[in-house]
Protein backbone atom coordinates (compact mmCIF):
# COMPACT_ATOMS: atom_id res chain seq x y z
CA MET A 1 19.04 -7.27 20.34
CA LEU A 2 15.27 -7.63 19.95
CA ARG A 3 13.92 -6.37 23.26
CA LEU A 4 10.29 -7.21 22.45
CA LYS A 5 10.74 -10.68 20.94
CA ASP A 6 7.79 -12.94 21.85
CA LYS A 7 5.69 -9.90 22.85
CA ALA A 8 2.63 -8.41 21.17
CA ALA A 9 1.78 -4.72 20.82
CA ILE A 10 -1.63 -3.33 19.96
CA ILE A 11 -1.17 0.10 18.41
CA ALA A 12 -4.39 2.12 18.28
CA GLY A 13 -4.30 4.59 15.41
CA GLY A 14 -1.54 2.51 13.83
CA GLY A 15 -2.52 3.44 10.30
CA ALA A 16 -1.05 6.95 10.27
CA GLY A 17 1.19 9.49 11.93
CA ILE A 18 2.55 8.72 15.39
CA GLY A 19 0.68 5.40 15.44
CA HIS A 20 2.44 4.34 12.24
CA ALA A 21 5.80 5.33 13.71
CA CYS A 22 5.02 3.32 16.85
CA CYS A 23 4.14 0.27 14.74
CA ASP A 24 7.47 0.56 12.94
CA ARG A 25 9.44 0.91 16.18
CA PHE A 26 7.71 -1.92 18.02
CA SER A 27 8.24 -4.17 15.00
CA ALA A 28 11.91 -3.21 14.79
CA GLU A 29 12.24 -4.32 18.41
CA GLY A 30 10.76 -7.73 17.55
CA ALA A 31 7.14 -7.41 18.68
CA LYS A 32 4.18 -8.87 16.86
CA VAL A 33 2.23 -5.73 15.95
CA VAL A 34 -1.54 -5.43 15.82
CA VAL A 35 -2.23 -2.40 13.63
CA ALA A 36 -5.57 -1.24 15.06
CA ALA A 37 -7.14 1.51 12.98
CA ILE A 38 -10.46 2.68 11.63
CA ASN A 39 -9.11 3.31 8.13
CA GLU A 40 -8.63 -0.08 6.50
CA THR A 41 -6.60 1.26 3.58
CA THR A 42 -3.90 2.93 5.66
CA GLY A 43 -3.93 0.21 8.32
CA ARG A 44 -3.35 -2.52 5.76
CA ALA A 45 -0.63 -0.43 4.08
CA VAL A 46 1.29 -0.19 7.37
CA THR A 47 0.81 -3.93 7.93
CA ASP A 48 2.05 -4.75 4.43
CA THR A 49 5.13 -2.55 4.88
CA ILE A 50 6.08 -4.18 8.19
CA ASN A 51 5.57 -7.70 6.84
CA ALA A 52 7.58 -6.90 3.69
CA ARG A 53 10.51 -5.98 5.95
CA GLY A 54 10.27 -9.35 7.70
CA GLY A 55 8.22 -8.19 10.67
CA ASP A 56 5.07 -9.78 12.06
CA ALA A 57 2.04 -7.51 11.77
CA PHE A 58 -1.63 -7.73 11.00
CA PHE A 59 -4.50 -5.32 10.67
CA VAL A 60 -7.63 -5.19 12.83
CA ARG A 61 -10.30 -2.61 12.11
CA CYS A 62 -10.84 -0.93 15.45
CA ASP A 63 -12.74 2.10 16.70
CA VAL A 64 -11.44 2.57 20.24
CA ALA A 65 -14.82 4.04 21.24
CA SER A 66 -16.37 0.62 20.54
CA GLU A 67 -15.92 -1.95 23.29
CA PRO A 68 -16.47 -4.92 20.91
CA ASP A 69 -13.82 -3.55 18.51
CA VAL A 70 -11.30 -3.17 21.33
CA ALA A 71 -12.09 -6.68 22.58
CA ALA A 72 -11.55 -8.09 19.09
CA ALA A 73 -8.20 -6.30 18.73
CA THR A 74 -7.09 -7.58 22.13
CA GLU A 75 -8.13 -11.13 21.29
CA ALA A 76 -6.27 -10.94 17.98
CA ALA A 77 -3.04 -10.10 19.79
CA PHE A 78 -3.12 -13.47 21.55
CA GLN A 79 -3.57 -15.59 18.41
């Protein structure tokens, strides 16, 4: 059962470590995942991995200390 089907999850720090693991888990549960990270290389790698497995993920460069970055990541989740 996909408990998060039709839901979106914004994962700050999604490009590495615990954030990466959270992206994988939310995707496995059916969520659209917004991989929000400062590091574009690792963020896009996580996104590519999830999408290659049939998930729905995309990368947004986001510094959580920047209000405009957080607003952009939030807006992206609703597209």
